[in-house]
Amino acid sequence: MIFAIYATDKPDILETRMAARQAHLDYIEPYNDKILTAGPRLDDDGEKMIGSLIVIDLPDRAAVDAFCKNDPYAIAGIFADVKVTGYRPVFPK
């Protein structure tokens, strides 16, 4: 099933985010064939990272919860909030 992971950073956490970035990228690399899209969410000016968005195809909610829990960003405590929902791609066809 496809899931959208929508995470919001805590305020003033950029230094911690950047310190954990390589570990985060290394963590998600083995999921490359499961990730439909992923990247940082940006403020309205497109300048500051304010969170993350990952759209990923995993077997079930338990698998996506484990993925989220073990992400180095989550372990580093950068997220104020993480929402996970099912997702159905419609476009592009």
N, C-alpha and C. Protein backbone atom coordinates (compact mmCIF):
# COMPACT_ATOMS: atom_id res chain seq x y z
N MET A 1 0.85 -1.18 0.00
CA MET A 1 0.00 0.00 0.00
C MET A 1 0.89 1.24 0.00
N ILE A 2 0.43 2.27 -0.64
CA ILE A 2 1.19 3.51 -0.70
C ILE A 2 0.76 4.41 0.46
N PHE A 3 1.77 5.01 1.11
CA PHE A 3 1.55 5.90 2.24
C PHE A 3 2.25 7.23 1.98
N ALA A 4 1.64 8.31 2.47
CA ALA A 4 2.27 9.63 2.48
C ALA A 4 2.68 9.93 3.92
N ILE A 5 3.95 10.23 4.10
CA ILE A 5 4.49 10.60 5.42
C ILE A 5 4.77 12.10 5.35
N TYR A 6 4.09 12.85 6.20
CA TYR A 6 4.16 14.31 6.20
C TYR A 6 4.66 14.75 7.57
N ALA A 7 5.94 15.12 7.63
CA ALA A 7 6.55 15.47 8.91
C ALA A 7 6.85 16.97 8.97
N THR A 8 6.65 17.53 10.15
CA THR A 8 6.91 18.94 10.38
C THR A 8 8.03 19.08 11.40
N ASP A 9 9.04 19.87 11.05
CA ASP A 9 10.17 20.08 11.96
C ASP A 9 9.78 20.94 13.15
N LYS A 10 10.49 20.73 14.26
CA LYS A 10 10.40 21.64 15.40
C LYS A 10 11.04 22.96 14.99
N PRO A 11 10.64 24.04 15.65
CA PRO A 11 11.28 25.34 15.34
C PRO A 11 12.78 25.30 15.68
N ASP A 12 13.56 26.02 14.91
CA ASP A 12 14.99 26.20 15.16
C ASP A 12 15.76 24.89 15.31
N ILE A 13 15.46 23.91 14.46
CA ILE A 13 16.07 22.58 14.55
C ILE A 13 16.99 22.30 13.36
N LEU A 14 17.25 23.31 12.52
CA LEU A 14 18.01 23.10 11.30
C LEU A 14 19.39 22.49 11.56
N GLU A 15 20.08 22.94 12.57
CA GLU A 15 21.42 22.42 12.86
C GLU A 15 21.36 20.91 13.16
N THR A 16 20.38 20.50 13.93
CA THR A 16 20.21 19.08 14.25
C THR A 16 19.83 18.30 13.00
N ARG A 17 18.96 18.88 12.17
CA ARG A 17 18.57 18.23 10.91
C ARG A 17 19.79 17.99 10.03
N MET A 18 20.60 19.01 9.88
CA MET A 18 21.77 18.89 9.01
C MET A 18 22.78 17.88 9.57
N ALA A 19 22.90 17.81 10.89
CA ALA A 19 23.82 16.84 11.50
C ALA A 19 23.35 15.41 11.26
N ALA A 20 22.04 15.19 11.16
CA ALA A 20 21.48 13.86 10.96
C ALA A 20 21.23 13.54 9.49
N ARG A 21 21.46 14.48 8.60
CA ARG A 21 21.07 14.33 7.20
C ARG A 21 21.71 13.13 6.51
N GLN A 22 23.02 12.95 6.65
CA GLN A 22 23.67 11.84 5.95
C GLN A 22 23.16 10.50 6.47
N ALA A 23 22.96 10.39 7.78
CA ALA A 23 22.42 9.14 8.34
C ALA A 23 21.01 8.90 7.80
N HIS A 24 20.22 9.95 7.66
CA HIS A 24 18.87 9.83 7.11
C HIS A 24 18.93 9.34 5.66
N LEU A 25 19.80 9.95 4.86
CA LEU A 25 19.93 9.55 3.45
C LEU A 25 20.42 8.11 3.34
N ASP A 26 21.36 7.72 4.18
CA ASP A 26 21.84 6.34 4.18
C ASP A 26 20.71 5.38 4.58
N TYR A 27 19.88 5.80 5.53
CA TYR A 27 18.77 4.96 5.99
C TYR A 27 17.75 4.71 4.89
N ILE A 28 17.41 5.75 4.14
CA ILE A 28 16.36 5.57 3.13
C ILE A 28 16.86 4.94 1.83
N GLU A 29 18.16 4.92 1.62
CA GLU A 29 18.73 4.37 0.37
C GLU A 29 18.22 2.96 0.05
N PRO A 30 18.19 2.03 1.01
CA PRO A 30 17.69 0.69 0.68
C PRO A 30 16.22 0.65 0.27
N TYR A 31 15.49 1.73 0.55
CA TYR A 31 14.07 1.81 0.18
C TYR A 31 13.88 2.50 -1.17
N ASN A 32 14.95 2.75 -1.89
CA ASN A 32 14.89 3.49 -3.14
C ASN A 32 13.83 2.96 -4.10
N ASP A 33 13.69 1.64 -4.18
CA ASP A 33 12.70 1.07 -5.10
C ASP A 33 11.28 1.14 -4.54
N LYS A 34 11.12 1.56 -3.30
CA LYS A 34 9.80 1.68 -2.66
C LYS A 34 9.32 3.13 -2.56
N ILE A 35 10.25 4.07 -2.72
CA ILE A 35 9.92 5.49 -2.56
C ILE A 35 9.49 6.08 -3.89
N LEU A 36 8.27 6.63 -3.92
CA LEU A 36 7.77 7.27 -5.14
C LEU A 36 8.30 8.69 -5.26
N THR A 37 8.39 9.38 -4.14
CA THR A 37 8.99 10.71 -4.07
C THR A 37 9.35 11.00 -2.62
N ALA A 38 10.35 11.82 -2.43
CA ALA A 38 10.76 12.20 -1.08
C ALA A 38 11.60 13.47 -1.16
N GLY A 39 11.51 14.27 -0.12
CA GLY A 39 12.33 15.47 -0.06
C GLY A 39 11.90 16.36 1.07
N PRO A 40 12.68 17.43 1.28
CA PRO A 40 12.34 18.36 2.34
C PRO A 40 11.15 19.23 1.95
N ARG A 41 10.32 19.53 2.93
CA ARG A 41 9.28 20.54 2.74
C ARG A 41 9.91 21.89 3.02
N LEU A 42 9.51 22.91 2.26
CA LEU A 42 10.10 24.23 2.35
C LEU A 42 9.08 25.28 2.75
N ASP A 43 9.58 26.39 3.32
CA ASP A 43 8.70 27.50 3.65
C ASP A 43 8.19 28.15 2.36
N ASP A 44 7.33 29.13 2.50
CA ASP A 44 6.71 29.77 1.33
C ASP A 44 7.71 30.47 0.42
N ASP A 45 8.86 30.83 0.95
CA ASP A 45 9.90 31.46 0.13
C ASP A 45 10.80 30.44 -0.55
N GLY A 46 10.62 29.15 -0.21
CA GLY A 46 11.44 28.11 -0.79
C GLY A 46 12.87 28.12 -0.28
N GLU A 47 13.08 28.73 0.86
CA GLU A 47 14.43 28.91 1.40
C GLU A 47 14.73 27.97 2.56
N LYS A 48 13.81 27.85 3.48
CA LYS A 48 14.07 27.15 4.74
C LYS A 48 13.36 25.80 4.76
N MET A 49 14.08 24.75 5.17
CA MET A 49 13.47 23.44 5.33
C MET A 49 12.58 23.45 6.58
N ILE A 50 11.35 22.98 6.42
CA ILE A 50 10.40 23.00 7.53
C ILE A 50 9.84 21.61 7.84
N GLY A 51 10.30 20.61 7.14
CA GLY A 51 9.80 19.26 7.37
C GLY A 51 10.20 18.34 6.22
N SER A 52 9.52 17.21 6.15
CA SER A 52 9.81 16.21 5.13
C SER A 52 8.52 15.65 4.57
N LEU A 53 8.59 15.19 3.33
CA LEU A 53 7.49 14.48 2.69
C LEU A 53 8.08 13.25 2.02
N ILE A 54 7.53 12.09 2.37
CA ILE A 54 7.95 10.84 1.73
C ILE A 54 6.69 10.12 1.30
N VAL A 55 6.63 9.72 0.05
CA VAL A 55 5.54 8.87 -0.45
C VAL A 55 6.19 7.52 -0.75
N ILE A 56 5.73 6.49 -0.05
CA ILE A 56 6.43 5.20 -0.06
C ILE A 56 5.43 4.05 -0.16
N ASP A 57 5.83 3.01 -0.84
CA ASP A 57 5.00 1.81 -1.01
C ASP A 57 5.54 0.73 -0.07
N LEU A 58 4.82 0.48 1.01
CA LEU A 58 5.18 -0.54 1.98
C LEU A 58 3.98 -1.45 2.21
N PRO A 59 4.21 -2.65 2.73
CA PRO A 59 3.13 -3.65 2.82
C PRO A 59 1.92 -3.23 3.66
N ASP A 60 2.18 -2.49 4.76
CA ASP A 60 1.07 -2.17 5.66
C ASP A 60 1.46 -1.05 6.61
N ARG A 61 0.50 -0.64 7.44
CA ARG A 61 0.74 0.47 8.37
C ARG A 61 1.85 0.14 9.37
N ALA A 62 1.94 -1.09 9.81
CA ALA A 62 2.99 -1.47 10.75
C ALA A 62 4.37 -1.24 10.14
N ALA A 63 4.52 -1.56 8.86
CA ALA A 63 5.81 -1.37 8.18
C ALA A 63 6.15 0.10 8.05
N VAL A 64 5.17 0.93 7.72
CA VAL A 64 5.44 2.37 7.59
C VAL A 64 5.72 2.98 8.96
N ASP A 65 5.03 2.52 9.99
CA ASP A 65 5.31 3.02 11.35
C ASP A 65 6.73 2.67 11.78
N ALA A 66 7.18 1.46 11.47
CA ALA A 66 8.55 1.05 11.79
C ALA A 66 9.56 1.88 11.00
N PHE A 67 9.26 2.12 9.72
CA PHE A 67 10.12 2.95 8.89
C PHE A 67 10.28 4.34 9.52
N CYS A 68 9.17 4.93 9.92
CA CYS A 68 9.20 6.27 10.52
C CYS A 68 9.97 6.27 11.84
N LYS A 69 9.70 5.30 12.68
CA LYS A 69 10.31 5.24 14.01
C LYS A 69 11.82 5.11 13.93
N ASN A 70 12.33 4.39 12.94
CA ASN A 70 13.77 4.13 12.83
C ASN A 70 14.53 5.13 11.97
N ASP A 71 13.83 6.11 11.41
CA ASP A 71 14.48 7.15 10.62
C ASP A 71 15.39 7.97 11.54
N PRO A 72 16.65 8.18 11.16
CA PRO A 72 17.54 8.99 11.98
C PRO A 72 17.01 10.39 12.30
N TYR A 73 16.21 10.97 11.42
CA TYR A 73 15.60 12.27 11.75
C TYR A 73 14.67 12.13 12.95
N ALA A 74 13.87 11.06 12.98
CA ALA A 74 12.98 10.84 14.12
C ALA A 74 13.78 10.56 15.38
N ILE A 75 14.81 9.75 15.25
CA ILE A 75 15.65 9.41 16.40
C ILE A 75 16.34 10.67 16.95
N ALA A 76 16.73 11.59 16.06
CA ALA A 76 17.37 12.84 16.49
C ALA A 76 16.37 13.83 17.09
N GLY A 77 15.07 13.53 16.98
CA GLY A 77 14.05 14.38 17.59
C GLY A 77 13.75 15.66 16.84
N ILE A 78 13.92 15.65 15.51
CA ILE A 78 13.70 16.91 14.79
C ILE A 78 12.22 17.20 14.50
N PHE A 79 11.38 16.19 14.56
CA PHE A 79 9.99 16.40 14.15
C PHE A 79 9.09 16.81 15.32
N ALA A 80 8.30 17.84 15.08
CA ALA A 80 7.26 18.24 16.03
C ALA A 80 6.03 17.37 15.82
N ASP A 81 5.85 16.90 14.57
CA ASP A 81 4.64 16.16 14.23
C ASP A 81 4.91 15.31 12.99
N VAL A 82 4.35 14.11 12.98
CA VAL A 82 4.42 13.24 11.81
C VAL A 82 3.02 12.69 11.56
N LYS A 83 2.53 12.91 10.36
CA LYS A 83 1.22 12.36 9.96
C LYS A 83 1.47 11.33 8.87
N VAL A 84 0.78 10.22 8.95
CA VAL A 84 0.87 9.16 7.94
C VAL A 84 -0.54 8.85 7.48
N THR A 85 -0.72 8.86 6.16
CA THR A 85 -2.02 8.50 5.59
C THR A 85 -1.80 7.61 4.38
N GLY A 86 -2.82 6.83 4.08
CA GLY A 86 -2.81 6.11 2.82
C GLY A 86 -2.85 7.11 1.68
N TYR A 87 -2.38 6.69 0.53
CA TYR A 87 -2.28 7.60 -0.62
C TYR A 87 -2.54 6.82 -1.90
N ARG A 88 -3.29 7.43 -2.81
CA ARG A 88 -3.56 6.83 -4.10
C ARG A 88 -3.13 7.78 -5.20
N PRO A 89 -2.04 7.50 -5.89
CA PRO A 89 -1.61 8.37 -6.99
C PRO A 89 -2.64 8.36 -8.12
N VAL A 90 -2.94 9.53 -8.65
CA VAL A 90 -3.86 9.65 -9.78
C VAL A 90 -3.15 10.26 -10.99
N PHE A 91 -2.32 11.26 -10.74
CA PHE A 91 -1.57 11.93 -11.81
C PHE A 91 -0.09 11.87 -11.50
N PRO A 92 0.80 11.80 -12.47
CA PRO A 92 0.47 11.63 -13.87
C PRO A 92 -0.03 10.24 -14.16
N LYS A 93 -0.76 10.12 -15.26
CA LYS A 93 -1.34 8.83 -15.64
C LYS A 93 -0.30 7.95 -16.27
